[in-house]
Amino acid sequence: MKELDPNKIPQHIAIIMDGNGRWAKQKGKMRIFGHKNGVMAVRKSVSYALKIGVNALTLYAFSSENWNRPEQEVSALMTLFMHALDSEVKKLHKNNIKLRIIGDTSRFSDKLQEKIADAEALTANNQALTLNIAANYGGCWDIVQATQQIAQQVKEGKIDTTDINEAFFQHHLVTQEQPPVDLLIRTSGEQRISNFLLWQIAYAELYFSEVLWPDFNEEAFNQAIYAYQQRDRRFGTSE
């Protein structure tokens, strides 16, 4: 494990959790076996983020494009999501973690939507860490829904177009008041953004890990943050 500079901990980390299917295939198992083991990697990552003082952790669990996967896999993922909410929320609450499900949840079953609402309500006042689970989320969708909200306010005469600036727009994204992403991690060796937090990662440092998500443990997370701390973040200024 690398020794981290406590003064340079990224305040908002986003992770594209990739490689569950390949991990399962390597073991001769069905894809859902990889997804189930991926939940354990989530636990480890949340625990580590909490331990080192991260402010917000956003995990890409289910994109708006994932509905195009085989029906059996999608159904299994929804069941896994329900089970995870049942089994994990009390632990999150006990550890003072605020849970938010970001994305268009209207497509989920009524039962799942109810569990999401209950989980968010239970943890709403927690302050140690904000855990965002991006489910039925897409970065383009996020920007469009924010634009629709603002356009409606203009239409109703509540605001003028001159009131719209970057800060105002950002407040209408699903991450709202949370800080922009400092570090974006993608596992499994793929090097794509995949329509994730397109606005929020404008100046994020990108880190691509060869580790498949179910194997992404505290050591792999530590390595990603250590690499981040070695970079010189200039935010568009000169050297």
Protein backbone atom coordinates (compact mmCIF):
# COMPACT_ATOMS: atom_id res chain seq x y z
CA MET A 1 0.00 0.00 0.00
CA LYS A 2 1.27 3.45 -0.92
CA GLU A 3 1.34 6.18 1.69
CA LEU A 4 -1.13 8.88 0.71
CA ASP A 5 -0.90 12.61 1.35
CA PRO A 6 -3.94 13.34 3.57
CA ASN A 7 -4.04 16.90 2.19
CA LYS A 8 -4.48 15.68 -1.39
CA ILE A 9 -7.35 13.24 -1.03
CA PRO A 10 -9.76 13.70 -3.98
CA GLN A 11 -13.06 14.99 -2.64
CA HIS A 12 -15.22 13.39 -5.31
CA ILE A 13 -14.28 10.07 -6.89
CA ALA A 14 -16.30 8.42 -9.63
CA ILE A 15 -15.83 4.80 -10.71
CA ILE A 16 -16.97 2.98 -13.82
CA MET A 17 -17.18 -0.53 -12.40
CA ASP A 18 -16.27 -2.62 -15.44
CA GLY A 19 -15.28 -6.26 -15.88
CA ASN A 20 -17.87 -8.30 -13.95
CA GLY A 21 -18.82 -10.36 -16.99
CA ARG A 22 -15.25 -11.07 -18.06
CA TRP A 23 -14.31 -11.98 -14.49
CA ALA A 24 -17.16 -14.52 -14.37
CA LYS A 25 -16.29 -15.90 -17.82
CA GLN A 26 -12.69 -16.48 -16.74
CA LYS A 27 -14.07 -18.67 -13.96
CA GLY A 28 -16.52 -20.49 -16.20
CA LYS A 29 -19.52 -18.89 -14.51
CA MET A 30 -22.59 -16.94 -15.64
CA ARG A 31 -22.31 -13.13 -15.83
CA ILE A 32 -24.55 -12.67 -12.80
CA PHE A 33 -21.90 -14.46 -10.72
CA GLY A 34 -19.57 -11.59 -11.60
CA HIS A 35 -22.18 -8.99 -10.69
CA LYS A 36 -22.74 -10.61 -7.29
CA ASN A 37 -19.02 -10.56 -6.56
CA GLY A 38 -18.93 -6.99 -7.80
CA VAL A 39 -21.16 -6.06 -4.86
CA MET A 40 -18.37 -7.16 -2.51
CA ALA A 41 -15.96 -4.87 -4.37
CA VAL A 42 -18.43 -2.04 -3.83
CA ARG A 43 -18.36 -2.69 -0.08
CA LYS A 44 -14.56 -2.55 -0.06
CA SER A 45 -14.46 0.67 -2.08
CA VAL A 46 -17.05 2.42 0.07
CA SER A 47 -15.21 1.37 3.22
CA TYR A 48 -11.88 2.66 1.90
CA ALA A 49 -13.34 5.95 0.67
CA LEU A 50 -14.89 6.49 4.10
CA LYS A 51 -11.63 5.65 5.85
CA ILE A 52 -9.47 8.12 3.92
CA GLY A 53 -11.95 11.01 4.03
CA VAL A 54 -13.47 11.18 0.55
CA ASN A 55 -16.48 13.52 0.44
CA ALA A 56 -18.45 11.85 -2.38
CA LEU A 57 -18.16 8.51 -4.18
CA THR A 58 -20.17 7.92 -7.35
CA LEU A 59 -20.44 4.39 -8.74
CA TYR A 60 -21.76 3.61 -12.22
CA ALA A 61 -24.02 0.64 -11.54
CA PHE A 62 -26.44 0.60 -14.47
CA SER A 63 -26.36 2.87 -17.49
CA SER A 64 -29.38 3.87 -19.56
CA GLU A 65 -27.87 1.75 -22.35
CA ASN A 66 -27.71 -1.37 -20.18
CA TRP A 67 -31.41 -2.07 -20.84
CA ASN A 68 -30.21 -3.42 -24.19
CA ARG A 69 -28.51 -6.35 -22.47
CA PRO A 70 -30.22 -9.78 -22.51
CA GLU A 71 -33.51 -9.72 -20.62
CA GLN A 72 -32.39 -12.46 -18.23
CA GLU A 73 -29.30 -10.47 -17.22
CA VAL A 74 -31.27 -7.23 -16.74
CA SER A 75 -33.84 -9.07 -14.59
CA ALA A 76 -31.06 -10.60 -12.50
CA LEU A 77 -29.45 -7.18 -12.05
CA MET A 78 -32.71 -5.67 -10.85
CA THR A 79 -33.11 -8.50 -8.35
CA LEU A 80 -29.53 -7.98 -7.18
CA PHE A 81 -30.18 -4.25 -6.81
CA MET A 82 -33.23 -4.96 -4.63
CA HIS A 83 -31.26 -7.40 -2.49
CA ALA A 84 -28.36 -4.97 -2.10
CA LEU A 85 -30.71 -2.23 -0.91
CA ASP A 86 -32.21 -4.62 1.64
CA SER A 87 -28.87 -5.86 2.93
CA GLU A 88 -26.64 -2.77 2.76
CA VAL A 89 -28.69 0.30 3.67
CA LYS A 90 -28.70 -0.26 7.44
CA LYS A 91 -24.91 -0.69 7.34
CA LEU A 92 -24.55 2.55 5.39
CA HIS A 93 -26.75 4.36 7.88
CA LYS A 94 -24.79 2.97 10.82
CA ASN A 95 -21.61 4.36 9.26
CA ASN A 96 -23.14 7.82 8.71
CA ILE A 97 -23.17 7.41 4.89
CA LYS A 98 -25.74 9.24 2.81
CA LEU A 99 -27.10 7.15 -0.08
CA ARG A 100 -28.41 8.73 -3.26
CA ILE A 101 -29.60 6.89 -6.36
CA ILE A 102 -28.95 9.17 -9.32
CA GLY A 103 -30.60 8.50 -12.66
CA ASP A 104 -34.05 8.11 -14.17
CA THR A 105 -35.58 5.77 -11.60
CA SER A 106 -39.06 6.03 -13.17
CA ARG A 107 -38.34 2.99 -15.34
CA PHE A 108 -37.81 0.75 -12.31
CA SER A 109 -40.61 -1.29 -10.76
CA ASP A 110 -42.83 0.40 -8.18
CA LYS A 111 -41.38 -1.85 -5.48
CA LEU A 112 -37.81 -0.91 -6.35
CA GLN A 113 -38.68 2.78 -6.50
CA GLU A 114 -40.22 2.47 -3.04
CA LYS A 115 -37.09 0.81 -1.64
CA ILE A 116 -34.94 3.54 -3.18
CA ALA A 117 -37.09 6.26 -1.60
CA ASP A 118 -36.96 4.55 1.80
CA ALA A 119 -33.18 4.11 1.63
CA GLU A 120 -32.60 7.73 0.67
CA ALA A 121 -34.94 8.97 3.40
CA LEU A 122 -33.24 6.87 6.08
CA THR A 123 -29.76 8.15 5.24
CA ALA A 124 -30.66 11.71 4.16
CA ASN A 125 -29.02 13.46 7.11
CA ASN A 126 -25.80 11.43 7.19
CA GLN A 127 -22.61 13.38 6.60
CA ALA A 128 -19.52 11.15 6.66
CA LEU A 129 -19.71 10.27 2.95
CA THR A 130 -22.19 10.71 0.11
CA LEU A 131 -22.52 7.52 -1.89
CA ASN A 132 -24.11 8.06 -5.30
CA ILE A 133 -25.25 4.96 -7.15
CA ALA A 134 -25.83 5.83 -10.80
CA ALA A 135 -28.69 3.61 -11.95
CA ASN A 136 -30.44 4.05 -15.30
CA TYR A 137 -28.10 7.00 -15.63
CA GLY A 138 -26.55 8.63 -18.67
CA GLY A 139 -24.50 11.81 -18.83
CA CYS A 140 -26.43 13.09 -21.86
CA TRP A 141 -29.73 12.40 -20.07
CA ASP A 142 -28.47 14.30 -17.02
CA ILE A 143 -27.66 17.39 -19.09
CA VAL A 144 -31.00 17.21 -20.94
CA GLN A 145 -33.06 16.87 -17.75
CA ALA A 146 -31.25 19.84 -16.23
CA THR A 147 -31.94 21.85 -19.40
CA GLN A 148 -35.62 20.90 -19.26
CA GLN A 149 -35.89 22.05 -15.63
CA ILE A 150 -34.29 25.40 -16.46
CA ALA A 151 -36.35 25.88 -19.63
CA GLN A 152 -39.52 25.33 -17.62
CA GLN A 153 -38.47 27.99 -15.12
CA VAL A 154 -37.83 30.44 -17.98
CA LYS A 155 -41.20 29.58 -19.51
CA GLU A 156 -42.96 30.26 -16.21
CA GLY A 157 -41.17 33.57 -15.86
CA LYS A 158 -39.37 32.52 -12.68
CA ILE A 159 -35.94 33.28 -14.12
CA ASP A 160 -34.45 35.16 -17.04
CA THR A 161 -31.98 33.64 -19.48
CA THR A 162 -29.33 35.96 -18.06
CA ASP A 163 -29.68 34.13 -14.72
CA ILE A 164 -28.27 30.96 -16.29
CA ASN A 165 -24.58 30.37 -15.67
CA GLU A 166 -22.43 27.32 -15.01
CA ALA A 167 -23.12 27.25 -11.28
CA PHE A 168 -26.88 27.59 -11.83
CA PHE A 169 -26.84 24.82 -14.44
CA GLN A 170 -24.75 22.52 -12.25
CA HIS A 171 -27.29 22.85 -9.44
CA HIS A 172 -29.88 21.23 -11.71
CA LEU A 173 -27.77 18.17 -12.45
CA VAL A 174 -28.50 15.09 -10.35
CA THR A 175 -25.33 15.61 -8.32
CA GLN A 176 -26.54 19.14 -7.45
CA GLU A 177 -24.47 20.69 -4.66
CA GLN A 178 -21.76 18.03 -4.65
CA PRO A 179 -18.22 18.99 -5.70
CA PRO A 180 -17.09 18.24 -9.26
CA VAL A 181 -15.33 14.94 -9.84
CA ASP A 182 -11.61 15.04 -9.05
CA LEU A 183 -10.77 11.47 -10.04
CA LEU A 184 -12.51 9.16 -12.50
CA ILE A 185 -11.49 5.50 -12.32
CA ARG A 186 -12.43 2.84 -14.85
CA THR A 187 -11.55 -0.79 -14.22
CA SER A 188 -10.90 -3.71 -16.60
CA GLY A 189 -8.52 -1.90 -18.94
CA GLU A 190 -11.18 -0.21 -21.07
CA GLN A 191 -10.46 3.46 -21.77
CA ARG A 192 -13.85 5.06 -22.43
CA ILE A 193 -16.09 7.48 -20.54
CA SER A 194 -19.28 5.62 -21.59
CA ASN A 195 -21.67 8.54 -21.13
CA PHE A 196 -20.85 8.94 -17.42
CA LEU A 197 -21.02 12.30 -15.59
CA LEU A 198 -20.09 14.23 -18.73
CA TRP A 199 -20.45 17.67 -17.14
CA GLN A 200 -19.06 16.72 -13.74
CA ILE A 201 -15.78 15.28 -15.04
CA ALA A 202 -14.78 18.37 -17.04
CA TYR A 203 -11.46 18.63 -15.17
CA ALA A 204 -11.25 15.20 -13.57
CA GLU A 205 -8.07 13.18 -13.65
CA LEU A 206 -8.65 9.90 -15.49
CA TYR A 207 -7.22 6.62 -14.22
CA PHE A 208 -7.62 3.33 -16.08
CA SER A 209 -6.97 0.15 -14.14
CA GLU A 210 -6.39 -3.28 -15.68
CA VAL A 211 -8.04 -4.88 -12.63
CA LEU A 212 -11.46 -6.42 -13.27
CA TRP A 213 -14.06 -4.89 -10.95
CA PRO A 214 -14.65 -7.90 -8.62
CA ASP A 215 -10.89 -7.88 -7.90
CA PHE A 216 -10.77 -4.11 -7.26
CA ASN A 217 -9.77 -4.03 -3.61
CA GLU A 218 -8.32 -1.53 -1.15
CA GLU A 219 -4.85 -1.91 -2.62
CA ALA A 220 -6.04 -1.21 -6.18
CA PHE A 221 -8.02 1.80 -4.96
CA ASN A 222 -5.00 3.06 -3.04
CA GLN A 223 -2.87 2.78 -6.19
CA ALA A 224 -5.37 4.87 -8.16
CA ILE A 225 -5.39 7.63 -5.56
CA TYR A 226 -1.61 7.56 -5.25
CA ALA A 227 -1.33 8.01 -9.03
CA TYR A 228 -3.77 10.93 -8.79
CA GLN A 229 -1.65 12.57 -6.12
CA GLN A 230 1.42 12.47 -8.37
CA ARG A 231 -0.27 14.59 -11.04
CA ASP A 232 -0.11 18.35 -11.41
CA ARG A 233 -3.68 19.63 -11.75
CA ARG A 234 -3.57 22.96 -13.59
CA PHE A 235 -7.23 23.42 -14.58
CA GLY A 236 -6.32 24.95 -17.92
CA THR A 237 -3.55 27.24 -16.64
CA SER A 238 -0.05 27.21 -18.07
CA GLU A 239 2.81 25.15 -16.69
